[in-house]
Amino acid sequence: MAEIQYEIVKTIGVLSESAKGWKKELNLVRWNNREPKYDIRDWAPNHEKMGKGITLSDEEVEQLKLLLHENNNQSL
């Protein structure tokens, strides 16, 4: 299997931290020298290992923001 290259271009923030020290982070990440995308995943300390995650384009982040805003304005 080919090695995956990545560069964390910008750290936006930590969403949570596990008891083992792994952090779920929102970052802007360049995967395999492509354009950076928003990325949510678990990272080991010092980013030496990563868990499964999700990458989102700028358009997908805007759509997510709209959906979250709509959901927050609806009564349950």
Protein backbone atom coordinates (compact mmCIF):
# COMPACT_ATOMS: atom_id res chain seq x y z
CA MET A 1 0.00 0.00 0.00
CA ALA A 2 1.31 3.46 -0.90
CA GLU A 3 2.38 5.80 1.87
CA ILE A 4 -0.02 8.66 2.55
CA GLN A 5 1.60 12.08 2.72
CA TYR A 6 0.04 14.82 4.79
CA GLU A 7 0.81 18.28 6.05
CA ILE A 8 -1.22 20.02 8.72
CA VAL A 9 -1.41 23.49 7.17
CA LYS A 10 -3.40 25.05 10.00
CA THR A 11 -4.64 23.80 13.36
CA ILE A 12 -8.11 25.21 13.92
CA GLY A 13 -8.96 23.60 17.24
CA VAL A 14 -9.45 20.58 19.49
CA LEU A 15 -12.97 19.17 19.74
CA SER A 16 -12.28 16.63 22.48
CA GLU A 17 -9.56 14.57 24.15
CA SER A 18 -9.64 10.91 25.16
CA ALA A 19 -8.28 9.42 28.38
CA LYS A 20 -5.36 8.03 26.33
CA GLY A 21 -4.36 11.52 25.20
CA TRP A 22 -5.63 11.32 21.63
CA LYS A 23 -7.32 14.52 20.47
CA LYS A 24 -10.16 14.92 18.01
CA GLU A 25 -9.07 17.96 16.00
CA LEU A 26 -10.32 20.21 13.26
CA ASN A 27 -7.40 21.07 10.98
CA LEU A 28 -6.72 22.24 7.47
CA VAL A 29 -4.72 19.36 5.96
CA ARG A 30 -2.96 18.88 2.62
CA TRP A 31 -3.21 15.20 1.63
CA ASN A 32 -0.77 13.84 -1.00
CA ASN A 33 0.23 17.36 -2.13
CA ARG A 34 -3.35 18.27 -3.08
CA GLU A 35 -5.27 21.38 -2.11
CA PRO A 36 -5.84 21.58 1.68
CA LYS A 37 -9.20 20.40 3.01
CA TYR A 38 -10.88 20.69 6.37
CA ASP A 39 -10.22 17.53 8.32
CA ILE A 40 -11.78 16.08 11.48
CA ARG A 41 -10.06 13.06 13.02
CA ASP A 42 -8.37 11.68 16.14
CA TRP A 43 -4.64 12.29 16.47
CA ALA A 44 -2.12 10.72 18.84
CA PRO A 45 0.14 13.11 20.74
CA ASN A 46 2.65 14.82 18.42
CA HIS A 47 0.52 13.71 15.41
CA GLU A 48 2.61 10.54 14.95
CA LYS A 49 -0.54 8.40 14.43
CA MET A 50 -4.06 9.16 13.28
CA GLY A 51 -7.48 7.57 13.41
CA LYS A 52 -10.15 7.46 10.75
CA GLY A 53 -11.64 10.80 9.92
CA ILE A 54 -13.50 12.91 7.44
CA THR A 55 -12.30 15.57 5.01
CA LEU A 56 -14.51 18.39 3.78
CA SER A 57 -14.14 20.91 0.96
CA ASP A 58 -14.88 24.60 1.51
CA GLU A 59 -18.33 24.08 -0.03
CA GLU A 60 -19.08 21.11 2.22
CA VAL A 61 -18.07 23.11 5.31
CA GLU A 62 -20.43 25.92 4.27
CA GLN A 63 -23.26 23.41 3.80
CA LEU A 64 -22.49 21.84 7.20
CA LYS A 65 -22.64 25.27 8.84
CA LEU A 66 -26.04 25.92 7.24
CA LEU A 67 -27.39 22.55 8.37
CA LEU A 68 -26.14 23.05 11.93
CA HIS A 69 -27.57 26.57 12.05
CA GLU A 70 -30.96 25.33 10.77
CA ASN A 71 -30.96 22.47 13.28
CA ASN A 72 -30.16 24.80 16.19
CA ASN A 73 -33.07 27.06 15.24
CA GLN A 74 -35.62 24.22 15.18
CA SER A 75 -37.45 23.31 18.35
CA LEU A 76 -37.24 19.65 19.35
